[in-house]
């Protein structure tokens, strides 16, 4: 399969994986899972209407040795917007609480295949850590390959997961946190703000791609979050995130990915910014573009939820 380019190979140091390739195969992870410099994160997260509890699911079944990364918990406490990127100090405290160091390679997976794991991949890169990869096909593919999972019947798993969230809260409350083992270096070119999107409507320097469904983009289907109008940022184009993946939820080959962007008139020779509903699936577009050599794709963190809630931002629909 084209998406397993890192493949089933003899075990070697995580440092030997190319950071130009954004995913690793389940075979590779299985061969390298005992590497002491490799940390595995379960970053499962689900839309509110799915009524799934990722922490409970993690306790029942996860890849051996994986830590739980809470996307909603490891977030900015100064905004009402969902799971916005935390401050550098807060992210460093949370990741340190999980026992991750700068020398570690990080493999992130989720319960759908490739969904929320891409968000955490982008978060680490936004804070200067490039030794991070998404597990291609995630937990479903790991399971389908016959590899073992483990459960955490004790409260230890919850304590580990909550330590990172508690560290974040302490930082935002100005309290002391434990020793920092992970140091950040913020990459502002990977994170866009509302003002940058506003300016881009005028100067059109960046091609803006939205990862939401076409119906939400066109304004004919409701947003999953109450009180938010559907539609899109004027001038943006729609490539729903499932178009980056095959039927088994693994990342498409370079050739297939190239076709998807060509079909929507997106030029890889020009700058691109991605967005979605709340900054999660926009990262799947960034993941696909990374495979195509576009390793500098910014994500609009507040995405459509921030844009549509703002009192003076223009909204476009298919009718306009």
C-alpha atoms as a PDB file:
ATOM      1  CA  UNK A   1       0.000   0.000   0.000  1.00  0.00           C
ATOM      2  CA  UNK A   2       1.342   3.387  -0.996  1.00  0.00           C
ATOM      3  CA  UNK A   3       0.571   4.926   2.380  1.00  0.00           C
ATOM      4  CA  UNK A   4       2.915   2.521   4.179  1.00  0.00           C
ATOM      5  CA  UNK A   5       6.062   3.947   2.655  1.00  0.00           C
ATOM      6  CA  UNK A   6       7.963   3.810   5.957  1.00  0.00           C
ATOM      7  CA  UNK A   7       6.963   0.171   5.924  1.00  0.00           C
ATOM      8  CA  UNK A   8       7.803  -2.973   7.828  1.00  0.00           C
ATOM      9  CA  UNK A   9      11.543  -2.597   8.258  1.00  0.00           C
ATOM     10  CA  UNK A  10      14.084  -3.766  10.805  1.00  0.00           C
ATOM     11  CA  UNK A  11      13.962  -1.713  13.993  1.00  0.00           C
ATOM     12  CA  UNK A  12      16.047   1.427  14.013  1.00  0.00           C
ATOM     13  CA  UNK A  13      16.211   4.675  15.942  1.00  0.00           C
ATOM     14  CA  UNK A  14      13.281   7.044  15.586  1.00  0.00           C
ATOM     15  CA  UNK A  15      15.827   9.643  14.572  1.00  0.00           C
ATOM     16  CA  UNK A  16      16.286   7.735  11.316  1.00  0.00           C
ATOM     17  CA  UNK A  17      12.725   8.438  10.131  1.00  0.00           C
ATOM     18  CA  UNK A  18      12.429  11.343   7.728  1.00  0.00           C
ATOM     19  CA  UNK A  19      10.462  14.293   9.053  1.00  0.00           C
ATOM     20  CA  UNK A  20       9.519  14.976   5.417  1.00  0.00           C
ATOM     21  CA  UNK A  21       7.118  12.029   5.715  1.00  0.00           C
ATOM     22  CA  UNK A  22       4.291  12.865   8.162  1.00  0.00           C
ATOM     23  CA  UNK A  23       3.064   9.328   8.915  1.00  0.00           C
ATOM     24  CA  UNK A  24       4.476   5.983  10.031  1.00  0.00           C
ATOM     25  CA  UNK A  25       2.917   2.563   9.432  1.00  0.00           C
ATOM     26  CA  UNK A  26       1.569   0.292  12.134  1.00  0.00           C
ATOM     27  CA  UNK A  27       4.261  -2.213  11.136  1.00  0.00           C
ATOM     28  CA  UNK A  28       6.962   0.359  11.782  1.00  0.00           C
ATOM     29  CA  UNK A  29       5.469   1.293  15.156  1.00  0.00           C
ATOM     30  CA  UNK A  30       5.146  -2.343  16.179  1.00  0.00           C
ATOM     31  CA  UNK A  31       8.829  -2.901  15.361  1.00  0.00           C
ATOM     32  CA  UNK A  32       9.966   0.201  17.256  1.00  0.00           C
ATOM     33  CA  UNK A  33       7.487   0.475  20.117  1.00  0.00           C
ATOM     34  CA  UNK A  34      10.068  -0.490  22.776  1.00  0.00           C
ATOM     35  CA  UNK A  35      12.480   2.259  21.750  1.00  0.00           C
ATOM     36  CA  UNK A  36      12.976   4.299  24.965  1.00  0.00           C
ATOM     37  CA  UNK A  37      13.164   7.496  22.918  1.00  0.00           C
ATOM     38  CA  UNK A  38       9.755   6.916  21.350  1.00  0.00           C
ATOM     39  CA  UNK A  39       6.535   8.152  22.968  1.00  0.00           C
ATOM     40  CA  UNK A  40       3.115   7.082  21.710  1.00  0.00           C
ATOM     41  CA  UNK A  41       0.082   9.313  22.279  1.00  0.00           C
ATOM     42  CA  UNK A  42      -3.599   8.443  21.996  1.00  0.00           C
ATOM     43  CA  UNK A  43      -5.084  11.758  20.868  1.00  0.00           C
ATOM     44  CA  UNK A  44      -8.597  10.513  20.149  1.00  0.00           C
ATOM     45  CA  UNK A  45     -11.226  13.251  20.099  1.00  0.00           C
ATOM     46  CA  UNK A  46     -14.757  13.222  18.737  1.00  0.00           C
ATOM     47  CA  UNK A  47     -17.355  15.738  17.644  1.00  0.00           C
ATOM     48  CA  UNK A  48     -19.824  16.622  20.436  1.00  0.00           C
ATOM     49  CA  UNK A  49     -22.766  15.000  18.605  1.00  0.00           C
ATOM     50  CA  UNK A  50     -20.959  11.633  18.429  1.00  0.00           C
ATOM     51  CA  UNK A  51     -21.353  11.224  22.205  1.00  0.00           C
ATOM     52  CA  UNK A  52     -18.123   9.236  22.559  1.00  0.00           C
ATOM     53  CA  UNK A  53     -15.774   9.567  25.521  1.00  0.00           C
ATOM     54  CA  UNK A  54     -12.178   9.232  24.280  1.00  0.00           C
ATOM     55  CA  UNK A  55     -10.652   8.843  27.770  1.00  0.00           C
ATOM     56  CA  UNK A  56     -13.038   6.004  28.634  1.00  0.00           C
ATOM     57  CA  UNK A  57     -12.279   4.326  25.301  1.00  0.00           C
ATOM     58  CA  UNK A  58      -8.551   4.742  25.957  1.00  0.00           C
ATOM     59  CA  UNK A  59      -8.929   2.976  29.313  1.00  0.00           C
ATOM     60  CA  UNK A  60     -10.692   0.059  27.643  1.00  0.00           C
ATOM     61  CA  UNK A  61      -8.282  -0.316  24.737  1.00  0.00           C
ATOM     62  CA  UNK A  62      -5.083   1.435  23.644  1.00  0.00           C
ATOM     63  CA  UNK A  63      -1.738   0.694  22.031  1.00  0.00           C
ATOM     64  CA  UNK A  64       0.650  -0.695  24.681  1.00  0.00           C
ATOM     65  CA  UNK A  65       2.461   2.074  26.546  1.00  0.00           C
ATOM     66  CA  UNK A  66       0.466   4.871  24.927  1.00  0.00           C
ATOM     67  CA  UNK A  67      -0.310   8.006  26.941  1.00  0.00           C
ATOM     68  CA  UNK A  68      -3.605   9.875  26.589  1.00  0.00           C
ATOM     69  CA  UNK A  69      -3.361  13.390  25.107  1.00  0.00           C
ATOM     70  CA  UNK A  70      -6.474  15.438  25.916  1.00  0.00           C
ATOM     71  CA  UNK A  71      -7.069  17.891  23.049  1.00  0.00           C
ATOM     72  CA  UNK A  72      -9.760  19.782  24.970  1.00  0.00           C
ATOM     73  CA  UNK A  73      -7.670  19.851  28.160  1.00  0.00           C
ATOM     74  CA  UNK A  74      -4.336  20.889  26.645  1.00  0.00           C
ATOM     75  CA  UNK A  75      -5.695  24.179  25.370  1.00  0.00           C
ATOM     76  CA  UNK A  76      -5.841  27.952  25.888  1.00  0.00           C
ATOM     77  CA  UNK A  77      -7.722  28.880  29.062  1.00  0.00           C
ATOM     78  CA  UNK A  78      -8.151  32.563  28.105  1.00  0.00           C
ATOM     79  CA  UNK A  79     -10.739  32.021  25.345  1.00  0.00           C
ATOM     80  CA  UNK A  80     -14.202  30.494  25.018  1.00  0.00           C
ATOM     81  CA  UNK A  81     -13.253  29.005  21.647  1.00  0.00           C
ATOM     82  CA  UNK A  82     -12.791  25.223  21.759  1.00  0.00           C
ATOM     83  CA  UNK A  83      -9.324  23.639  22.138  1.00  0.00           C
ATOM     84  CA  UNK A  84      -7.310  26.641  20.954  1.00  0.00           C
ATOM     85  CA  UNK A  85      -3.518  26.347  21.007  1.00  0.00           C
ATOM     86  CA  UNK A  86      -2.204  26.988  24.547  1.00  0.00           C
ATOM     87  CA  UNK A  87       0.680  29.305  25.376  1.00  0.00           C
ATOM     88  CA  UNK A  88       4.245  28.048  24.965  1.00  0.00           C
ATOM     89  CA  UNK A  89       4.708  27.781  28.720  1.00  0.00           C
ATOM     90  CA  UNK A  90       1.441  25.879  29.129  1.00  0.00           C
ATOM     91  CA  UNK A  91       2.218  23.427  26.316  1.00  0.00           C
ATOM     92  CA  UNK A  92       5.731  22.829  27.713  1.00  0.00           C
ATOM     93  CA  UNK A  93       4.268  22.143  31.169  1.00  0.00           C
ATOM     94  CA  UNK A  94       1.639  19.737  29.831  1.00  0.00           C
ATOM     95  CA  UNK A  95       4.030  17.780  27.619  1.00  0.00           C
ATOM     96  CA  UNK A  96       6.597  17.644  30.434  1.00  0.00           C
ATOM     97  CA  UNK A  97       3.886  16.248  32.732  1.00  0.00           C
ATOM     98  CA  UNK A  98       3.423  13.437  30.210  1.00  0.00           C
ATOM     99  CA  UNK A  99       7.146  12.644  30.514  1.00  0.00           C
ATOM    100  CA  UNK A 100       8.083  13.707  26.972  1.00  0.00           C
ATOM    101  CA  UNK A 101      11.502  15.213  26.256  1.00  0.00           C
ATOM    102  CA  UNK A 102      12.837  17.088  23.225  1.00  0.00           C
ATOM    103  CA  UNK A 103      14.999  14.122  22.253  1.00  0.00           C
ATOM    104  CA  UNK A 104      11.935  11.872  21.958  1.00  0.00           C
ATOM    105  CA  UNK A 105      10.197  10.905  18.777  1.00  0.00           C
ATOM    106  CA  UNK A 106       6.410  11.158  19.123  1.00  0.00           C
ATOM    107  CA  UNK A 107       3.845   9.007  17.301  1.00  0.00           C
ATOM    108  CA  UNK A 108       0.239  10.169  17.603  1.00  0.00           C
ATOM    109  CA  UNK A 109      -2.832   8.082  16.809  1.00  0.00           C
ATOM    110  CA  UNK A 110      -6.603   8.254  17.229  1.00  0.00           C
ATOM    111  CA  UNK A 111      -9.600   5.946  17.290  1.00  0.00           C
ATOM    112  CA  UNK A 112     -10.873   6.787  13.798  1.00  0.00           C
ATOM    113  CA  UNK A 113      -7.766   6.243  11.659  1.00  0.00           C
ATOM    114  CA  UNK A 114      -6.567   9.724  10.811  1.00  0.00           C
ATOM    115  CA  UNK A 115      -8.692  12.394  12.460  1.00  0.00           C
ATOM    116  CA  UNK A 116      -7.728  14.238  15.644  1.00  0.00           C
ATOM    117  CA  UNK A 117      -4.169  12.834  15.665  1.00  0.00           C
ATOM    118  CA  UNK A 118      -3.295  15.280  12.894  1.00  0.00           C
ATOM    119  CA  UNK A 119      -4.194  18.178  15.216  1.00  0.00           C
ATOM    120  CA  UNK A 120      -1.666  17.029  17.828  1.00  0.00           C
ATOM    121  CA  UNK A 121       0.950  16.451  15.091  1.00  0.00           C
ATOM    122  CA  UNK A 122       0.453  20.105  14.096  1.00  0.00           C
ATOM    123  CA  UNK A 123       0.532  21.295  17.727  1.00  0.00           C
ATOM    124  CA  UNK A 124       3.950  19.730  18.331  1.00  0.00           C
ATOM    125  CA  UNK A 125       5.277  21.213  15.095  1.00  0.00           C
ATOM    126  CA  UNK A 126       3.831  24.638  15.988  1.00  0.00           C
ATOM    127  CA  UNK A 127       5.946  24.503  19.143  1.00  0.00           C
ATOM    128  CA  UNK A 128       9.119  23.534  17.303  1.00  0.00           C
ATOM    129  CA  UNK A 129       9.133  19.739  17.683  1.00  0.00           C
ATOM    130  CA  UNK A 130       9.534  18.125  14.247  1.00  0.00           C
ATOM    131  CA  UNK A 131      10.153  14.560  15.448  1.00  0.00           C
ATOM    132  CA  UNK A 132       6.432  13.810  15.378  1.00  0.00           C
ATOM    133  CA  UNK A 133       4.394  11.509  13.145  1.00  0.00           C
ATOM    134  CA  UNK A 134       0.794  10.346  12.798  1.00  0.00           C
ATOM    135  CA  UNK A 135       0.120   6.610  12.910  1.00  0.00           C
ATOM    136  CA  UNK A 136      -1.274   5.831   9.454  1.00  0.00           C
ATOM    137  CA  UNK A 137      -4.703   4.267   9.902  1.00  0.00           C
ATOM    138  CA  UNK A 138      -4.593   4.748  13.673  1.00  0.00           C
ATOM    139  CA  UNK A 139      -6.009   2.311  16.202  1.00  0.00           C
ATOM    140  CA  UNK A 140      -8.365   0.615  13.682  1.00  0.00           C
ATOM    141  CA  UNK A 141      -5.439  -0.343  11.440  1.00  0.00           C
ATOM    142  CA  UNK A 142      -3.319  -1.425  14.432  1.00  0.00           C
ATOM    143  CA  UNK A 143      -6.196  -3.664  15.499  1.00  0.00           C
ATOM    144  CA  UNK A 144      -6.785  -4.994  11.977  1.00  0.00           C
ATOM    145  CA  UNK A 145      -3.102  -5.932  11.759  1.00  0.00           C
ATOM    146  CA  UNK A 146      -3.516  -8.229  14.757  1.00  0.00           C
ATOM    147  CA  UNK A 147      -1.293  -6.257  17.106  1.00  0.00           C
ATOM    148  CA  UNK A 148      -1.926  -6.334  20.838  1.00  0.00           C
ATOM    149  CA  UNK A 149      -3.760  -3.635  22.767  1.00  0.00           C
ATOM    150  CA  UNK A 150      -3.875  -3.106  26.502  1.00  0.00           C
ATOM    151  CA  UNK A 151      -6.431  -1.737  28.938  1.00  0.00           C
ATOM    152  CA  UNK A 152      -5.990   0.404  32.035  1.00  0.00           C
ATOM    153  CA  UNK A 153      -8.482  -0.783  34.592  1.00  0.00           C
ATOM    154  CA  UNK A 154      -6.759   1.174  37.376  1.00  0.00           C
ATOM    155  CA  UNK A 155      -7.038   4.911  37.950  1.00  0.00           C
ATOM    156  CA  UNK A 156      -3.420   5.359  36.899  1.00  0.00           C
ATOM    157  CA  UNK A 157      -4.311   6.135  33.306  1.00  0.00           C
ATOM    158  CA  UNK A 158      -6.681   8.909  34.370  1.00  0.00           C
ATOM    159  CA  UNK A 159      -4.034  10.339  36.713  1.00  0.00           C
ATOM    160  CA  UNK A 160      -1.497  10.437  33.893  1.00  0.00           C
ATOM    161  CA  UNK A 161      -3.974  12.078  31.536  1.00  0.00           C
ATOM    162  CA  UNK A 162      -5.114  14.622  34.113  1.00  0.00           C
ATOM    163  CA  UNK A 163      -1.544  15.593  35.104  1.00  0.00           C
ATOM    164  CA  UNK A 164      -1.059  17.410  31.801  1.00  0.00           C
ATOM    165  CA  UNK A 165      -4.372  19.260  32.116  1.00  0.00           C
ATOM    166  CA  UNK A 166      -3.609  20.220  35.725  1.00  0.00           C
ATOM    167  CA  UNK A 167      -0.205  21.569  34.653  1.00  0.00           C
ATOM    168  CA  UNK A 168      -1.942  23.773  32.060  1.00  0.00           C
ATOM    169  CA  UNK A 169      -4.376  25.117  34.638  1.00  0.00           C
ATOM    170  CA  UNK A 170      -1.539  25.934  37.039  1.00  0.00           C
ATOM    171  CA  UNK A 171       0.305  27.903  34.343  1.00  0.00           C
ATOM    172  CA  UNK A 172      -2.779  29.971  33.531  1.00  0.00           C
ATOM    173  CA  UNK A 173      -3.393  30.584  37.244  1.00  0.00           C
ATOM    174  CA  UNK A 174       0.206  31.728  37.745  1.00  0.00           C
ATOM    175  CA  UNK A 175       1.092  28.789  39.989  1.00  0.00           C
ATOM    176  CA  UNK A 176       4.319  26.800  40.061  1.00  0.00           C
ATOM    177  CA  UNK A 177       4.497  23.653  37.950  1.00  0.00           C
ATOM    178  CA  UNK A 178       6.834  20.657  38.025  1.00  0.00           C
ATOM    179  CA  UNK A 179      10.190  20.504  36.253  1.00  0.00           C
ATOM    180  CA  UNK A 180      10.141  21.237  32.520  1.00  0.00           C
ATOM    181  CA  UNK A 181      11.599  18.389  30.459  1.00  0.00           C
ATOM    182  CA  UNK A 182      10.238  19.680  27.147  1.00  0.00           C
ATOM    183  CA  UNK A 183      11.219  23.081  25.774  1.00  0.00           C
ATOM    184  CA  UNK A 184       9.204  24.853  23.106  1.00  0.00           C
ATOM    185  CA  UNK A 185      10.173  27.101  20.220  1.00  0.00           C
ATOM    186  CA  UNK A 186       7.020  28.681  18.791  1.00  0.00           C
ATOM    187  CA  UNK A 187       6.705  28.683  14.973  1.00  0.00           C
ATOM    188  CA  UNK A 188       4.362  31.607  14.255  1.00  0.00           C
ATOM    189  CA  UNK A 189       4.331  30.919  10.504  1.00  0.00           C
ATOM    190  CA  UNK A 190       2.328  27.716  11.197  1.00  0.00           C
ATOM    191  CA  UNK A 191      -0.485  29.424  13.161  1.00  0.00           C
ATOM    192  CA  UNK A 192      -2.868  31.976  11.661  1.00  0.00           C
ATOM    193  CA  UNK A 193      -5.145  34.436  13.449  1.00  0.00           C
ATOM    194  CA  UNK A 194      -8.466  35.985  12.460  1.00  0.00           C
ATOM    195  CA  UNK A 195      -6.712  39.207  11.413  1.00  0.00           C
ATOM    196  CA  UNK A 196      -4.416  37.328   9.046  1.00  0.00           C
ATOM    197  CA  UNK A 197      -7.407  35.666   7.382  1.00  0.00           C
ATOM    198  CA  UNK A 198      -9.115  39.060   7.070  1.00  0.00           C
ATOM    199  CA  UNK A 199      -6.051  40.560   5.393  1.00  0.00           C
ATOM    200  CA  UNK A 200      -5.775  37.608   3.039  1.00  0.00           C
ATOM    201  CA  UNK A 201      -9.302  38.247   1.700  1.00  0.00           C
ATOM    202  CA  UNK A 202      -7.956  41.534   0.384  1.00  0.00           C
ATOM    203  CA  UNK A 203      -4.430  40.664  -0.742  1.00  0.00           C
ATOM    204  CA  UNK A 204      -5.134  37.031  -1.772  1.00  0.00           C
ATOM    205  CA  UNK A 205      -1.523  36.001  -1.085  1.00  0.00           C
ATOM    206  CA  UNK A 206      -2.548  32.600   0.302  1.00  0.00           C
ATOM    207  CA  UNK A 207      -4.937  30.054  -1.188  1.00  0.00           C
ATOM    208  CA  UNK A 208      -7.388  29.349   1.628  1.00  0.00           C
ATOM    209  CA  UNK A 209      -8.675  25.744   1.808  1.00  0.00           C
ATOM    210  CA  UNK A 210     -11.552  24.723   4.111  1.00  0.00           C
ATOM    211  CA  UNK A 211     -11.698  21.077   5.302  1.00  0.00           C
ATOM    212  CA  UNK A 212     -15.407  21.053   6.255  1.00  0.00           C
ATOM    213  CA  UNK A 213     -18.097  19.291   4.228  1.00  0.00           C
ATOM    214  CA  UNK A 214     -19.257  20.957   1.013  1.00  0.00           C
ATOM    215  CA  UNK A 215     -22.776  21.398   2.428  1.00  0.00           C
ATOM    216  CA  UNK A 216     -21.504  23.321   5.466  1.00  0.00           C
ATOM    217  CA  UNK A 217     -19.133  25.312   3.265  1.00  0.00           C
ATOM    218  CA  UNK A 218     -21.978  26.204   0.883  1.00  0.00           C
ATOM    219  CA  UNK A 219     -24.201  27.244   3.785  1.00  0.00           C
ATOM    220  CA  UNK A 220     -26.920  24.650   3.079  1.00  0.00           C
ATOM    221  CA  UNK A 221     -26.212  22.358   6.079  1.00  0.00           C
ATOM    222  CA  UNK A 222     -26.101  23.506   9.711  1.00  0.00           C
ATOM    223  CA  UNK A 223     -22.915  23.698  11.750  1.00  0.00           C
ATOM    224  CA  UNK A 224     -22.615  21.090  14.521  1.00  0.00           C
ATOM    225  CA  UNK A 225     -22.128  23.849  17.100  1.00  0.00           C
ATOM    226  CA  UNK A 226     -25.311  25.678  18.048  1.00  0.00           C
ATOM    227  CA  UNK A 227     -25.739  29.322  17.162  1.00  0.00           C
ATOM    228  CA  UNK A 228     -23.129  29.362  14.404  1.00  0.00           C
ATOM    229  CA  UNK A 229     -24.137  30.122  10.807  1.00  0.00           C
ATOM    230  CA  UNK A 230     -22.753  27.912   8.071  1.00  0.00           C
ATOM    231  CA  UNK A 231     -20.987  29.319   5.003  1.00  0.00           C
ATOM    232  CA  UNK A 232     -17.354  30.145   4.325  1.00  0.00           C
ATOM    233  CA  UNK A 233     -14.642  32.780   4.280  1.00  0.00           C
ATOM    234  CA  UNK A 234     -14.956  34.744   1.020  1.00  0.00           C
ATOM    235  CA  UNK A 235     -12.485  33.517  -1.572  1.00  0.00           C
ATOM    236  CA  UNK A 236     -11.781  30.190   0.158  1.00  0.00           C
ATOM    237  CA  UNK A 237     -12.131  26.792  -1.511  1.00  0.00           C
ATOM    238  CA  UNK A 238     -13.478  23.527  -0.106  1.00  0.00           C
ATOM    239  CA  UNK A 239     -11.602  20.226   0.041  1.00  0.00           C
ATOM    240  CA  UNK A 240     -13.379  18.081   2.655  1.00  0.00           C
ATOM    241  CA  UNK A 241     -10.777  16.303   4.787  1.00  0.00           C
ATOM    242  CA  UNK A 242     -11.953  12.741   3.884  1.00  0.00           C
ATOM    243  CA  UNK A 243     -10.551  13.402   0.402  1.00  0.00           C
ATOM    244  CA  UNK A 244      -7.044  13.076   1.904  1.00  0.00           C
ATOM    245  CA  UNK A 245      -7.736   9.473   3.000  1.00  0.00           C
ATOM    246  CA  UNK A 246      -8.503   6.108   1.461  1.00  0.00           C
ATOM    247  CA  UNK A 247     -11.224   3.678   2.561  1.00  0.00           C
ATOM    248  CA  UNK A 248      -9.088   2.335   5.419  1.00  0.00           C
ATOM    249  CA  UNK A 249      -8.466   5.854   6.766  1.00  0.00           C
ATOM    250  CA  UNK A 250      -4.820   5.948   5.713  1.00  0.00           C
ATOM    251  CA  UNK A 251      -3.203   8.889   3.948  1.00  0.00           C
ATOM    252  CA  UNK A 252      -3.395   8.749   0.155  1.00  0.00           C
ATOM    253  CA  UNK A 253      -0.294   8.347  -2.000  1.00  0.00           C
ATOM    254  CA  UNK A 254       1.448  11.451  -3.303  1.00  0.00           C
ATOM    255  CA  UNK A 255      -0.073  10.888  -6.743  1.00  0.00           C
ATOM    256  CA  UNK A 256      -3.616  10.665  -5.417  1.00  0.00           C
ATOM    257  CA  UNK A 257      -3.168  13.644  -3.119  1.00  0.00           C
ATOM    258  CA  UNK A 258      -1.817  15.711  -6.011  1.00  0.00           C
ATOM    259  CA  UNK A 259      -4.960  14.861  -8.007  1.00  0.00           C
ATOM    260  CA  UNK A 260      -7.222  16.078  -5.204  1.00  0.00           C
ATOM    261  CA  UNK A 261      -5.580  19.503  -5.091  1.00  0.00           C
ATOM    262  CA  UNK A 262      -5.358  19.762  -8.886  1.00  0.00           C
ATOM    263  CA  UNK A 263      -9.092  19.047  -9.167  1.00  0.00           C
ATOM    264  CA  UNK A 264      -9.867  22.064  -6.963  1.00  0.00           C
ATOM    265  CA  UNK A 265      -7.446  24.357  -8.783  1.00  0.00           C
ATOM    266  CA  UNK A 266      -4.992  24.565  -5.867  1.00  0.00           C
ATOM    267  CA  UNK A 267      -1.429  25.322  -6.974  1.00  0.00           C
ATOM    268  CA  UNK A 268       1.311  23.825  -4.845  1.00  0.00           C
ATOM    269  CA  UNK A 269       3.616  26.565  -6.129  1.00  0.00           C
ATOM    270  CA  UNK A 270       1.667  29.214  -4.199  1.00  0.00           C
ATOM    271  CA  UNK A 271       1.196  29.642  -0.418  1.00  0.00           C
ATOM    272  CA  UNK A 272      -1.705  27.790   1.237  1.00  0.00           C
ATOM    273  CA  UNK A 273      -3.540  28.201   4.553  1.00  0.00           C
ATOM    274  CA  UNK A 274      -6.081  25.680   5.892  1.00  0.00           C
ATOM    275  CA  UNK A 275      -9.102  25.934   8.190  1.00  0.00           C
ATOM    276  CA  UNK A 276     -12.151  23.880   9.234  1.00  0.00           C
ATOM    277  CA  UNK A 277     -14.743  24.089  12.035  1.00  0.00           C
ATOM    278  CA  UNK A 278     -12.534  24.301  15.128  1.00  0.00           C
ATOM    279  CA  UNK A 279      -8.990  23.733  13.845  1.00  0.00           C
ATOM    280  CA  UNK A 280      -8.921  19.918  13.985  1.00  0.00           C
ATOM    281  CA  UNK A 281      -9.558  18.586  10.476  1.00  0.00           C
ATOM    282  CA  UNK A 282      -7.704  21.523   8.888  1.00  0.00           C
ATOM    283  CA  UNK A 283      -4.621  19.697  10.167  1.00  0.00           C
ATOM    284  CA  UNK A 284      -5.483  16.672   7.988  1.00  0.00           C
ATOM    285  CA  UNK A 285      -5.181  18.927   4.922  1.00  0.00           C
ATOM    286  CA  UNK A 286      -1.831  20.129   6.296  1.00  0.00           C
ATOM    287  CA  UNK A 287      -0.808  16.473   6.752  1.00  0.00           C
ATOM    288  CA  UNK A 288      -1.602  15.676   3.114  1.00  0.00           C
ATOM    289  CA  UNK A 289       0.210  18.775   1.896  1.00  0.00           C
ATOM    290  CA  UNK A 290       3.211  17.825   4.045  1.00  0.00           C
ATOM    291  CA  UNK A 291       3.452  14.520   2.153  1.00  0.00           C
ATOM    292  CA  UNK A 292       3.542  16.600  -1.047  1.00  0.00           C
ATOM    293  CA  UNK A 293       6.525  18.591   0.252  1.00  0.00           C
ATOM    294  CA  UNK A 294       4.556  21.595   1.555  1.00  0.00           C
ATOM    295  CA  UNK A 295       5.930  21.473   5.101  1.00  0.00           C
ATOM    296  CA  UNK A 296       5.128  25.088   6.021  1.00  0.00           C
ATOM    297  CA  UNK A 297       1.302  25.094   5.877  1.00  0.00           C
ATOM    298  CA  UNK A 298      -0.321  27.373   8.480  1.00  0.00           C
ATOM    299  CA  UNK A 299      -3.608  26.418  10.128  1.00  0.00           C
ATOM    300  CA  UNK A 300      -6.169  29.064  11.095  1.00  0.00           C
ATOM    301  CA  UNK A 301      -6.549  28.009  14.720  1.00  0.00           C
ATOM    302  CA  UNK A 302      -9.922  29.619  15.491  1.00  0.00           C
ATOM    303  CA  UNK A 303     -11.289  28.447  12.132  1.00  0.00           C
ATOM    304  CA  UNK A 304     -14.976  28.793  11.217  1.00  0.00           C
ATOM    305  CA  UNK A 305     -16.210  28.851  14.827  1.00  0.00           C
ATOM    306  CA  UNK A 306     -14.238  32.033  15.546  1.00  0.00           C
ATOM    307  CA  UNK A 307     -14.953  33.544  12.137  1.00  0.00           C
ATOM    308  CA  UNK A 308     -18.724  33.022  12.211  1.00  0.00           C
ATOM    309  CA  UNK A 309     -19.051  34.240  15.814  1.00  0.00           C
ATOM    310  CA  UNK A 310     -17.208  37.484  15.114  1.00  0.00           C
ATOM    311  CA  UNK A 311     -19.490  40.509  14.634  1.00  0.00           C
ATOM    312  CA  UNK A 312     -17.750  42.066  11.626  1.00  0.00           C
ATOM    313  CA  UNK A 313     -16.423  39.213   9.487  1.00  0.00           C
ATOM    314  CA  UNK A 314     -17.896  38.643   5.996  1.00  0.00           C
ATOM    315  CA  UNK A 315     -19.672  35.313   5.402  1.00  0.00           C
ATOM    316  CA  UNK A 316     -20.120  33.791   1.968  1.00  0.00           C
ATOM    317  CA  UNK A 317     -22.484  30.996   0.852  1.00  0.00           C
ATOM    318  CA  UNK A 318     -23.000  29.169  -2.433  1.00  0.00           C
ATOM    319  CA  UNK A 319     -25.737  31.681  -3.246  1.00  0.00           C
ATOM    320  CA  UNK A 320     -23.451  34.676  -2.778  1.00  0.00           C
END
